[in-house]
Each structure stands twice: as structure tokens, then as C-alpha cells.
Amino acid sequence: MTIEVTDREGKARAMDWAPGQSLMEVLRDADLVLASCGGNAVCGTCHVLLAGGAVAKLSAPSPDETETLRGAAEFGEGSSRLSCQIPFSRELDGMRVRVAPDS
């Protein structure tokens, strides 16, 4: 499965996403996010902004994720998510993601 990721410098690239990976793992392995907390939704270093209808295909963020995101740089109501909380799903094929600025 492929997604389109725009990095912090504005460069877009197609990236493969394999079953069993969270979105954070894909981005971390490409050195696009730090993911300091290792996927526990407490640091915000894997903050991304989702384009289009991708958000509607995801479950609602947990209260912990929402709390972490509210303090993040460039928080976007309805588009901000922690990539560690986005599991692989074939429904997300072609999703467009922008890595948020460092907090």
C-alpha cells in the first residue's frame, strides 16, 4: 500500500506502508518523525496533518491523544493526529499526510 507524505521542508514522496506497521513506524523509519515515546501518545513528536477524507476513515482520537495534540505546534482541529495512533488499514491507501512542524 502507498501513501503520500510531505515532510517538514515541503517535499512530497510516495511511501510504502506494510501490514502490521503503524503510520508512526513508517515515518520514523524514514527519519521523518522522532517518535520519542515509542507510540504511547504522550510526546507529540509524531504529529501529522491528514488531508481529505482520511480522518473520517479513522476511529476518534482517545482523550490522551487529544490532550497531547492540543499542545502541539500547528494543531489542526479535525486534521491533526498522532501517527502512532494510526494502524495500517487498506482503506487508507493513497492517503495524503503532512508531517507537522516540531513543537
PDB file of N, CA and C in Angstrom:
ATOM      1  N   MET A   1       0.850  -1.169   0.000  1.00  0.00           N
ATOM      2  CA  MET A   1       0.000   0.000   0.000  1.00  0.00           C
ATOM      3  C   MET A   1       0.896   1.233   0.000  1.00  0.00           C
ATOM      4  N   THR A   2       0.437   2.296  -0.639  1.00  0.00           N
ATOM      5  CA  THR A   2       1.234   3.509  -0.774  1.00  0.00           C
ATOM      6  C   THR A   2       0.480   4.708  -0.205  1.00  0.00           C
ATOM      7  N   ILE A   3       1.217   5.578   0.460  1.00  0.00           N
ATOM      8  CA  ILE A   3       0.681   6.853   0.942  1.00  0.00           C
ATOM      9  C   ILE A   3       1.590   7.968   0.450  1.00  0.00           C
ATOM     10  N   GLU A   4       1.062   9.186   0.411  1.00  0.00           N
ATOM     11  CA  GLU A   4       1.867  10.348   0.018  1.00  0.00           C
ATOM     12  C   GLU A   4       2.172  11.149   1.270  1.00  0.00           C
ATOM     13  N   VAL A   5       3.459  11.350   1.529  1.00  0.00           N
ATOM     14  CA  VAL A   5       3.904  12.053   2.728  1.00  0.00           C
ATOM     15  C   VAL A   5       4.661  13.304   2.326  1.00  0.00           C
ATOM     16  N   THR A   6       4.277  14.434   2.912  1.00  0.00           N
ATOM     17  CA  THR A   6       5.002  15.685   2.722  1.00  0.00           C
ATOM     18  C   THR A   6       5.791  15.957   3.989  1.00  0.00           C
ATOM     19  N   ASP A   7       7.107  16.107   3.839  1.00  0.00           N
ATOM     20  CA  ASP A   7       7.960  16.308   5.014  1.00  0.00           C
ATOM     21  C   ASP A   7       7.929  17.764   5.473  1.00  0.00           C
ATOM     22  N   ARG A   8       8.673  18.074   6.504  1.00  0.00           N
ATOM     23  CA  ARG A   8       8.680  19.425   7.081  1.00  0.00           C
ATOM     24  C   ARG A   8       9.242  20.479   6.132  1.00  0.00           C
ATOM     25  N   GLU A   9      10.004  20.064   5.144  1.00  0.00           N
ATOM     26  CA  GLU A   9      10.564  21.003   4.166  1.00  0.00           C
ATOM     27  C   GLU A   9       9.642  21.184   2.963  1.00  0.00           C
ATOM     28  N   GLY A  10       8.529  20.469   2.937  1.00  0.00           N
ATOM     29  CA  GLY A  10       7.565  20.606   1.849  1.00  0.00           C
ATOM     30  C   GLY A  10       7.771  19.637   0.699  1.00  0.00           C
ATOM     31  N   LYS A  11       8.689  18.684   0.854  1.00  0.00           N
ATOM     32  CA  LYS A  11       8.942  17.704  -0.202  1.00  0.00           C
ATOM     33  C   LYS A  11       7.973  16.532  -0.049  1.00  0.00           C
ATOM     34  N   ALA A  12       7.233  16.247  -1.119  1.00  0.00           N
ATOM     35  CA  ALA A  12       6.290  15.128  -1.108  1.00  0.00           C
ATOM     36  C   ALA A  12       6.954  13.889  -1.685  1.00  0.00           C
ATOM     37  N   ARG A  13       6.589  12.746  -1.121  1.00  0.00           N
ATOM     38  CA  ARG A  13       7.122  11.479  -1.621  1.00  0.00           C
ATOM     39  C   ARG A  13       6.104  10.370  -1.373  1.00  0.00           C
ATOM     40  N   ALA A  14       6.120   9.394  -2.244  1.00  0.00           N
ATOM     41  CA  ALA A  14       5.289   8.204  -2.058  1.00  0.00           C
ATOM     42  C   ALA A  14       6.056   7.250  -1.144  1.00  0.00           C
ATOM     43  N   MET A  15       5.335   6.667  -0.197  1.00  0.00           N
ATOM     44  CA  MET A  15       5.963   5.734   0.734  1.00  0.00           C
ATOM     45  C   MET A  15       5.115   4.479   0.842  1.00  0.00           C
ATOM     46  N   ASP A  16       5.794   3.348   0.978  1.00  0.00           N
ATOM     47  CA  ASP A  16       5.099   2.083   1.174  1.00  0.00           C
ATOM     48  C   ASP A  16       4.728   1.935   2.643  1.00  0.00           C
ATOM     49  N   TRP A  17       3.561   1.322   2.874  1.00  0.00           N
ATOM     50  CA  TRP A  17       3.068   1.057   4.225  1.00  0.00           C
ATOM     51  C   TRP A  17       2.628  -0.386   4.254  1.00  0.00           C
ATOM     52  N   ALA A  18       3.250  -1.164   5.117  1.00  0.00           N
ATOM     53  CA  ALA A  18       3.001  -2.603   5.158  1.00  0.00           C
ATOM     54  C   ALA A  18       2.102  -2.994   6.331  1.00  0.00           C
ATOM     55  N   PRO A  19       1.343  -4.065   6.171  1.00  0.00           N
ATOM     56  CA  PRO A  19       0.517  -4.561   7.276  1.00  0.00           C
ATOM     57  C   PRO A  19       1.367  -4.784   8.533  1.00  0.00           C
ATOM     58  N   GLY A  20       0.776  -4.477   9.676  1.00  0.00           N
ATOM     59  CA  GLY A  20       1.464  -4.647  10.950  1.00  0.00           C
ATOM     60  C   GLY A  20       2.200  -3.409  11.429  1.00  0.00           C
ATOM     61  N   GLN A  21       2.341  -2.409  10.569  1.00  0.00           N
ATOM     62  CA  GLN A  21       3.022  -1.168  10.956  1.00  0.00           C
ATOM     63  C   GLN A  21       1.999  -0.101  11.309  1.00  0.00           C
ATOM     64  N   SER A  22       2.353   0.733  12.277  1.00  0.00           N
ATOM     65  CA  SER A  22       1.589   1.960  12.479  1.00  0.00           C
ATOM     66  C   SER A  22       2.157   2.998  11.510  1.00  0.00           C
ATOM     67  N   LEU A  23       1.416   4.056  11.293  1.00  0.00           N
ATOM     68  CA  LEU A  23       1.923   5.130  10.441  1.00  0.00           C
ATOM     69  C   LEU A  23       3.195   5.714  11.036  1.00  0.00           C
ATOM     70  N   MET A  24       3.254   5.818  12.360  1.00  0.00           N
ATOM     71  CA  MET A  24       4.453   6.343  13.020  1.00  0.00           C
ATOM     72  C   MET A  24       5.686   5.523  12.670  1.00  0.00           C
ATOM     73  N   GLU A  25       5.567   4.202  12.606  1.00  0.00           N
ATOM     74  CA  GLU A  25       6.714   3.362  12.288  1.00  0.00           C
ATOM     75  C   GLU A  25       7.230   3.635  10.883  1.00  0.00           C
ATOM     76  N   VAL A  26       6.333   3.844   9.942  1.00  0.00           N
ATOM     77  CA  VAL A  26       6.729   4.174   8.571  1.00  0.00           C
ATOM     78  C   VAL A  26       7.497   5.488   8.552  1.00  0.00           C
ATOM     79  N   LEU A  27       6.956   6.501   9.227  1.00  0.00           N
ATOM     80  CA  LEU A  27       7.571   7.830   9.240  1.00  0.00           C
ATOM     81  C   LEU A  27       8.873   7.845  10.037  1.00  0.00           C
ATOM     82  N   ARG A  28       8.910   7.150  11.157  1.00  0.00           N
ATOM     83  CA  ARG A  28      10.124   7.074  11.971  1.00  0.00           C
ATOM     84  C   ARG A  28      11.238   6.366  11.216  1.00  0.00           C
ATOM     85  N   ASP A  29      10.913   5.257  10.544  1.00  0.00           N
ATOM     86  CA  ASP A  29      11.932   4.511   9.809  1.00  0.00           C
ATOM     87  C   ASP A  29      12.513   5.311   8.649  1.00  0.00           C
ATOM     88  N   ALA A  30      11.767   6.303   8.164  1.00  0.00           N
ATOM     89  CA  ALA A  30      12.253   7.189   7.093  1.00  0.00           C
ATOM     90  C   ALA A  30      12.881   8.464   7.668  1.00  0.00           C
ATOM     91  N   ASP A  31      13.058   8.516   8.988  1.00  0.00           N
ATOM     92  CA  ASP A  31      13.632   9.678   9.689  1.00  0.00           C
ATOM     93  C   ASP A  31      12.821  10.951   9.490  1.00  0.00           C
ATOM     94  N   LEU A  32      11.498  10.806   9.396  1.00  0.00           N
ATOM     95  CA  LEU A  32      10.633  11.978   9.227  1.00  0.00           C
ATOM     96  C   LEU A  32      10.013  12.443  10.539  1.00  0.00           C
ATOM     97  N   VAL A  33       9.920  11.567  11.528  1.00  0.00           N
ATOM     98  CA  VAL A  33       9.444  11.935  12.863  1.00  0.00           C
ATOM     99  C   VAL A  33      10.368  11.302  13.892  1.00  0.00           C
ATOM    100  N   LEU A  34      10.402  11.896  15.082  1.00  0.00           N
ATOM    101  CA  LEU A  34      11.250  11.394  16.156  1.00  0.00           C
ATOM    102  C   LEU A  34      10.585  10.238  16.908  1.00  0.00           C
ATOM    103  N   ALA A  35       9.316  10.375  17.224  1.00  0.00           N
ATOM    104  CA  ALA A  35       8.570   9.339  17.949  1.00  0.00           C
ATOM    105  C   ALA A  35       9.230   9.004  19.279  1.00  0.00           C
ATOM    106  N   SER A  36       9.470  10.022  20.087  1.00  0.00           N
ATOM    107  CA  SER A  36      10.195   9.877  21.348  1.00  0.00           C
ATOM    108  C   SER A  36       9.581   8.894  22.325  1.00  0.00           C
ATOM    109  N   CYS A  37       8.257   8.835  22.399  1.00  0.00           N
ATOM    110  CA  CYS A  37       7.612   7.981  23.404  1.00  0.00           C
ATOM    111  C   CYS A  37       7.363   6.569  22.898  1.00  0.00           C
ATOM    112  N   GLY A  38       7.746   6.281  21.673  1.00  0.00           N
ATOM    113  CA  GLY A  38       7.619   4.935  21.148  1.00  0.00           C
ATOM    114  C   GLY A  38       6.202   4.485  20.853  1.00  0.00           C
ATOM    115  N   GLY A  39       5.299   5.415  20.678  1.00  0.00           N
ATOM    116  CA  GLY A  39       3.939   5.050  20.298  1.00  0.00           C
ATOM    117  C   GLY A  39       2.927   5.080  21.425  1.00  0.00           C
ATOM    118  N   ASN A  40       3.231   5.773  22.504  1.00  0.00           N
ATOM    119  CA  ASN A  40       2.334   5.819  23.663  1.00  0.00           C
ATOM    120  C   ASN A  40       1.441   7.049  23.718  1.00  0.00           C
ATOM    121  N   ALA A  41       1.433   7.858  22.681  1.00  0.00           N
ATOM    122  CA  ALA A  41       0.543   9.026  22.558  1.00  0.00           C
ATOM    123  C   ALA A  41       0.764  10.074  23.633  1.00  0.00           C
ATOM    124  N   VAL A  42       1.999  10.238  24.090  1.00  0.00           N
ATOM    125  CA  VAL A  42       2.239  11.228  25.128  1.00  0.00           C
ATOM    126  C   VAL A  42       3.252  12.321  24.766  1.00  0.00           C
ATOM    127  N   CYS A  43       3.974  12.166  23.656  1.00  0.00           N
ATOM    128  CA  CYS A  43       5.021  13.160  23.385  1.00  0.00           C
ATOM    129  C   CYS A  43       4.678  14.132  22.263  1.00  0.00           C
ATOM    130  N   GLY A  44       3.889  13.715  21.297  1.00  0.00           N
ATOM    131  CA  GLY A  44       3.521  14.593  20.189  1.00  0.00           C
ATOM    132  C   GLY A  44       4.564  14.716  19.099  1.00  0.00           C
ATOM    133  N   THR A  45       5.682  13.987  19.190  1.00  0.00           N
ATOM    134  CA  THR A  45       6.734  14.129  18.180  1.00  0.00           C
ATOM    135  C   THR A  45       6.431  13.371  16.888  1.00  0.00           C
ATOM    136  N   CYS A  46       5.274  12.735  16.823  1.00  0.00           N
ATOM    137  CA  CYS A  46       4.867  12.055  15.587  1.00  0.00           C
ATOM    138  C   CYS A  46       3.592  12.695  15.021  1.00  0.00           C
ATOM    139  N   HIS A  47       3.340  13.944  15.378  1.00  0.00           N
ATOM    140  CA  HIS A  47       2.156  14.694  14.943  1.00  0.00           C
ATOM    141  C   HIS A  47       2.140  14.840  13.426  1.00  0.00           C
ATOM    142  N   VAL A  48       1.003  14.519  12.834  1.00  0.00           N
ATOM    143  CA  VAL A  48       0.804  14.684  11.402  1.00  0.00           C
ATOM    144  C   VAL A  48      -0.531  15.377  11.145  1.00  0.00           C
ATOM    145  N   LEU A  49      -0.658  15.924   9.953  1.00  0.00           N
ATOM    146  CA  LEU A  49      -1.907  16.518   9.495  1.00  0.00           C
ATOM    147  C   LEU A  49      -2.387  15.687   8.313  1.00  0.00           C
ATOM    148  N   LEU A  50      -3.623  15.231   8.396  1.00  0.00           N
ATOM    149  CA  LEU A  50      -4.188  14.369   7.365  1.00  0.00           C
ATOM    150  C   LEU A  50      -5.044  15.183   6.415  1.00  0.00           C
ATOM    151  N   ALA A  51      -4.940  14.870   5.139  1.00  0.00           N
ATOM    152  CA  ALA A  51      -5.694  15.593   4.117  1.00  0.00           C
ATOM    153  C   ALA A  51      -6.922  14.796   3.705  1.00  0.00           C
ATOM    154  N   GLY A  52      -7.880  15.509   3.165  1.00  0.00           N
ATOM    155  CA  GLY A  52      -9.049  14.875   2.581  1.00  0.00           C
ATOM    156  C   GLY A  52      -9.880  14.087   3.563  1.00  0.00           C
ATOM    157  N   GLY A  53     -10.416  12.978   3.101  1.00  0.00           N
ATOM    158  CA  GLY A  53     -11.320  12.178   3.897  1.00  0.00           C
ATOM    159  C   GLY A  53     -10.659  11.143   4.777  1.00  0.00           C
ATOM    160  N   ALA A  54      -9.352  11.190   4.936  1.00  0.00           N
ATOM    161  CA  ALA A  54      -8.659  10.182   5.736  1.00  0.00           C
ATOM    162  C   ALA A  54      -9.138  10.168   7.177  1.00  0.00           C
ATOM    163  N   VAL A  55      -9.374  11.326   7.749  1.00  0.00           N
ATOM    164  CA  VAL A  55      -9.795  11.400   9.150  1.00  0.00           C
ATOM    165  C   VAL A  55     -11.096  10.639   9.368  1.00  0.00           C
ATOM    166  N   ALA A  56     -12.008  10.720   8.427  1.00  0.00           N
ATOM    167  CA  ALA A  56     -13.304  10.040   8.556  1.00  0.00           C
ATOM    168  C   ALA A  56     -13.155   8.518   8.548  1.00  0.00           C
ATOM    169  N   LYS A  57     -12.044   8.010   8.071  1.00  0.00           N
ATOM    170  CA  LYS A  57     -11.815   6.571   8.000  1.00  0.00           C
ATOM    171  C   LYS A  57     -11.177   6.021   9.279  1.00  0.00           C
ATOM    172  N   LEU A  58     -10.864   6.910  10.216  1.00  0.00           N
ATOM    173  CA  LEU A  58     -10.196   6.518  11.456  1.00  0.00           C
ATOM    174  C   LEU A  58     -11.164   6.564  12.626  1.00  0.00           C
ATOM    175  N   SER A  59     -10.857   5.807  13.659  1.00  0.00           N
ATOM    176  CA  SER A  59     -11.637   5.932  14.888  1.00  0.00           C
ATOM    177  C   SER A  59     -11.296   7.274  15.524  1.00  0.00           C
ATOM    178  N   ALA A  60     -12.164   7.736  16.391  1.00  0.00           N
ATOM    179  CA  ALA A  60     -11.948   9.022  17.069  1.00  0.00           C
ATOM    180  C   ALA A  60     -10.691   8.940  17.935  1.00  0.00           C
ATOM    181  N   PRO A  61      -9.982  10.056  18.075  1.00  0.00           N
ATOM    182  CA  PRO A  61      -8.798  10.043  18.933  1.00  0.00           C
ATOM    183  C   PRO A  61      -9.190   9.805  20.390  1.00  0.00           C
ATOM    184  N   SER A  62      -8.305   9.148  21.107  1.00  0.00           N
ATOM    185  CA  SER A  62      -8.523   8.921  22.538  1.00  0.00           C
ATOM    186  C   SER A  62      -8.360  10.253  23.276  1.00  0.00           C
ATOM    187  N   PRO A  63      -8.863  10.335  24.502  1.00  0.00           N
ATOM    188  CA  PRO A  63      -8.651  11.556  25.291  1.00  0.00           C
ATOM    189  C   PRO A  63      -7.161  11.881  25.468  1.00  0.00           C
ATOM    190  N   ASP A  64      -6.316  10.868  25.641  1.00  0.00           N
ATOM    191  CA  ASP A  64      -4.872  11.106  25.780  1.00  0.00           C
ATOM    192  C   ASP A  64      -4.284  11.706  24.510  1.00  0.00           C
ATOM    193  N   GLU A  65      -4.686  11.172  23.363  1.00  0.00           N
ATOM    194  CA  GLU A  65      -4.189  11.712  22.098  1.00  0.00           C
ATOM    195  C   GLU A  65      -4.650  13.150  21.918  1.00  0.00           C
ATOM    196  N   THR A  66      -5.904  13.406  22.195  1.00  0.00           N
ATOM    197  CA  THR A  66      -6.445  14.764  22.058  1.00  0.00           C
ATOM    198  C   THR A  66      -5.698  15.740  22.950  1.00  0.00           C
ATOM    199  N   GLU A  67      -5.436  15.354  24.188  1.00  0.00           N
ATOM    200  CA  GLU A  67      -4.707  16.216  25.130  1.00  0.00           C
ATOM    201  C   GLU A  67      -3.300  16.522  24.618  1.00  0.00           C
ATOM    202  N   THR A  68      -2.617  15.508  24.113  1.00  0.00           N
ATOM    203  CA  THR A  68      -1.257  15.697  23.584  1.00  0.00           C
ATOM    204  C   THR A  68      -1.287  16.626  22.372  1.00  0.00           C
ATOM    205  N   LEU A  69      -2.242  16.454  21.496  1.00  0.00           N
ATOM    206  CA  LEU A  69      -2.316  17.259  20.277  1.00  0.00           C
ATOM    207  C   LEU A  69      -2.633  18.719  20.552  1.00  0.00           C
ATOM    208  N   ARG A  70      -3.426  19.003  21.549  1.00  0.00           N
ATOM    209  CA  ARG A  70      -3.809  20.398  21.828  1.00  0.00           C
ATOM    210  C   ARG A  70      -2.599  21.284  22.134  1.00  0.00           C
ATOM    211  N   GLY A  71      -1.524  20.690  22.616  1.00  0.00           N
ATOM    212  CA  GLY A  71      -0.313  21.456  22.901  1.00  0.00           C
ATOM    213  C   GLY A  71       0.681  21.462  21.756  1.00  0.00           C
ATOM    214  N   ALA A  72       0.340  20.821  20.653  1.00  0.00           N
ATOM    215  CA  ALA A  72       1.273  20.693  19.533  1.00  0.00           C
ATOM    216  C   ALA A  72       1.278  21.931  18.650  1.00  0.00           C
ATOM    217  N   ALA A  73       2.430  22.177  18.034  1.00  0.00           N
ATOM    218  CA  ALA A  73       2.534  23.264  17.059  1.00  0.00           C
ATOM    219  C   ALA A  73       1.636  22.945  15.875  1.00  0.00           C
ATOM    220  N   GLU A  74       0.976  23.940  15.350  1.00  0.00           N
ATOM    221  CA  GLU A  74       0.131  23.832  14.159  1.00  0.00           C
ATOM    222  C   GLU A  74      -0.982  22.802  14.327  1.00  0.00           C
ATOM    223  N   PHE A  75      -1.587  22.773  15.517  1.00  0.00           N
ATOM    224  CA  PHE A  75      -2.716  21.870  15.762  1.00  0.00           C
ATOM    225  C   PHE A  75      -3.840  22.222  14.806  1.00  0.00           C
ATOM    226  N   GLY A  76      -4.358  21.221  14.130  1.00  0.00           N
ATOM    227  CA  GLY A  76      -5.456  21.432  13.194  1.00  0.00           C
ATOM    228  C   GLY A  76      -6.666  20.633  13.639  1.00  0.00           C
ATOM    229  N   GLU A  77      -7.674  21.297  14.140  1.00  0.00           N
ATOM    230  CA  GLU A  77      -8.899  20.616  14.576  1.00  0.00           C
ATOM    231  C   GLU A  77      -9.451  19.820  13.404  1.00  0.00           C
ATOM    232  N   GLY A  78      -9.587  18.530  13.592  1.00  0.00           N
ATOM    233  CA  GLY A  78     -10.129  17.682  12.544  1.00  0.00           C
ATOM    234  C   GLY A  78      -9.105  17.111  11.581  1.00  0.00           C
ATOM    235  N   SER A  79      -7.869  17.599  11.599  1.00  0.00           N
ATOM    236  CA  SER A  79      -6.860  17.030  10.698  1.00  0.00           C
ATOM    237  C   SER A  79      -5.623  16.552  11.446  1.00  0.00           C
ATOM    238  N   SER A  80      -5.405  17.019  12.674  1.00  0.00           N
ATOM    239  CA  SER A  80      -4.236  16.615  13.445  1.00  0.00           C
ATOM    240  C   SER A  80      -4.453  15.254  14.084  1.00  0.00           C
ATOM    241  N   ARG A  81      -3.453  14.410  13.947  1.00  0.00           N
ATOM    242  CA  ARG A  81      -3.461  13.110  14.627  1.00  0.00           C
ATOM    243  C   ARG A  81      -2.028  12.758  14.994  1.00  0.00           C
ATOM    244  N   LEU A  82      -1.884  11.885  15.966  1.00  0.00           N
ATOM    245  CA  LEU A  82      -0.584  11.306  16.275  1.00  0.00           C
ATOM    246  C   LEU A  82      -0.440  10.070  15.393  1.00  0.00           C
ATOM    247  N   SER A  83       0.625  10.021  14.619  1.00  0.00           N
ATOM    248  CA  SER A  83       0.775   8.906  13.683  1.00  0.00           C
ATOM    249  C   SER A  83       0.933   7.568  14.405  1.00  0.00           C
ATOM    250  N   CYS A  84       1.336   7.598  15.666  1.00  0.00           N
ATOM    251  CA  CYS A  84       1.456   6.349  16.426  1.00  0.00           C
ATOM    252  C   CYS A  84       0.093   5.727  16.707  1.00  0.00           C
ATOM    253  N   GLN A  85      -0.961   6.494  16.567  1.00  0.00           N
ATOM    254  CA  GLN A  85      -2.301   6.010  16.852  1.00  0.00           C
ATOM    255  C   GLN A  85      -3.061   5.623  15.579  1.00  0.00           C
ATOM    256  N   ILE A  86      -2.350   5.571  14.462  1.00  0.00           N
ATOM    257  CA  ILE A  86      -2.986   5.214  13.185  1.00  0.00           C
ATOM    258  C   ILE A  86      -2.430   3.869  12.725  1.00  0.00           C
ATOM    259  N   PRO A  87      -3.222   2.812  12.895  1.00  0.00           N
ATOM    260  CA  PRO A  87      -2.776   1.494  12.453  1.00  0.00           C
ATOM    261  C   PRO A  87      -2.949   1.331  10.948  1.00  0.00           C
ATOM    262  N   PHE A  88      -2.224   0.383  10.399  1.00  0.00           N
ATOM    263  CA  PHE A  88      -2.360   0.056   8.985  1.00  0.00           C
ATOM    264  C   PHE A  88      -3.805  -0.306   8.677  1.00  0.00           C
ATOM    265  N   SER A  89      -4.297   0.208   7.573  1.00  0.00           N
ATOM    266  CA  SER A  89      -5.623  -0.144   7.078  1.00  0.00           C
ATOM    267  C   SER A  89      -5.626   0.053   5.569  1.00  0.00           C
ATOM    268  N   ARG A  90      -6.081  -0.936   4.845  1.00  0.00           N
ATOM    269  CA  ARG A  90      -6.136  -0.823   3.382  1.00  0.00           C
ATOM    270  C   ARG A  90      -7.039   0.324   2.945  1.00  0.00           C
ATOM    271  N   GLU A  91      -7.976   0.723   3.787  1.00  0.00           N
ATOM    272  CA  GLU A  91      -8.851   1.859   3.478  1.00  0.00           C
ATOM    273  C   GLU A  91      -8.073   3.165   3.349  1.00  0.00           C
ATOM    274  N   LEU A  92      -6.863   3.198   3.886  1.00  0.00           N
ATOM    275  CA  LEU A  92      -6.058   4.417   3.859  1.00  0.00           C
ATOM    276  C   LEU A  92      -5.103   4.469   2.667  1.00  0.00           C
ATOM    277  N   ASP A  93      -5.197   3.509   1.762  1.00  0.00           N
ATOM    278  CA  ASP A  93      -4.342   3.505   0.575  1.00  0.00           C
ATOM    279  C   ASP A  93      -4.503   4.830  -0.164  1.00  0.00           C
ATOM    280  N   GLY A  94      -3.387   5.469  -0.485  1.00  0.00           N
ATOM    281  CA  GLY A  94      -3.403   6.749  -1.185  1.00  0.00           C
ATOM    282  C   GLY A  94      -3.544   7.960  -0.273  1.00  0.00           C
ATOM    283  N   MET A  95      -3.638   7.747   1.034  1.00  0.00           N
ATOM    284  CA  MET A  95      -3.806   8.847   1.978  1.00  0.00           C
ATOM    285  C   MET A  95      -2.668   9.863   1.834  1.00  0.00           C
ATOM    286  N   ARG A  96      -3.017  11.141   1.993  1.00  0.00           N
ATOM    287  CA  ARG A  96      -2.026  12.225   1.986  1.00  0.00           C
ATOM    288  C   ARG A  96      -1.803  12.690   3.417  1.00  0.00           C
ATOM    289  N   VAL A  97      -0.520  12.756   3.809  1.00  0.00           N
ATOM    290  CA  VAL A  97      -0.119  13.095   5.165  1.00  0.00           C
ATOM    291  C   VAL A  97       0.942  14.179   5.098  1.00  0.00           C
ATOM    292  N   ARG A  98       0.827  15.164   5.974  1.00  0.00           N
ATOM    293  CA  ARG A  98       1.893  16.172   6.101  1.00  0.00           C
ATOM    294  C   ARG A  98       2.452  16.081   7.503  1.00  0.00           C
ATOM    295  N   VAL A  99       3.771  15.960   7.620  1.00  0.00           N
ATOM    296  CA  VAL A  99       4.432  15.933   8.918  1.00  0.00           C
ATOM    297  C   VAL A  99       4.347  17.339   9.496  1.00  0.00           C
ATOM    298  N   ALA A 100       3.825  17.438  10.717  1.00  0.00           N
ATOM    299  CA  ALA A 100       3.665  18.740  11.360  1.00  0.00           C
ATOM    300  C   ALA A 100       5.019  19.295  11.788  1.00  0.00           C
ATOM    301  N   PRO A 101       5.126  20.612  11.950  1.00  0.00           N
ATOM    302  CA  PRO A 101       6.375  21.209  12.415  1.00  0.00           C
ATOM    303  C   PRO A 101       6.718  20.716  13.817  1.00  0.00           C
ATOM    304  N   ASP A 102       8.001  20.762  14.164  1.00  0.00           N
ATOM    305  CA  ASP A 102       8.404  20.418  15.526  1.00  0.00           C
ATOM    306  C   ASP A 102       7.727  21.344  16.513  1.00  0.00           C
ATOM    307  N   SER A 103       7.329  20.772  17.628  1.00  0.00           N
ATOM    308  CA  SER A 103       6.704  21.586  18.691  1.00  0.00           C
ATOM    309  C   SER A 103       7.735  22.367  19.445  1.00  0.00           C
TER     310      SER A 103
END
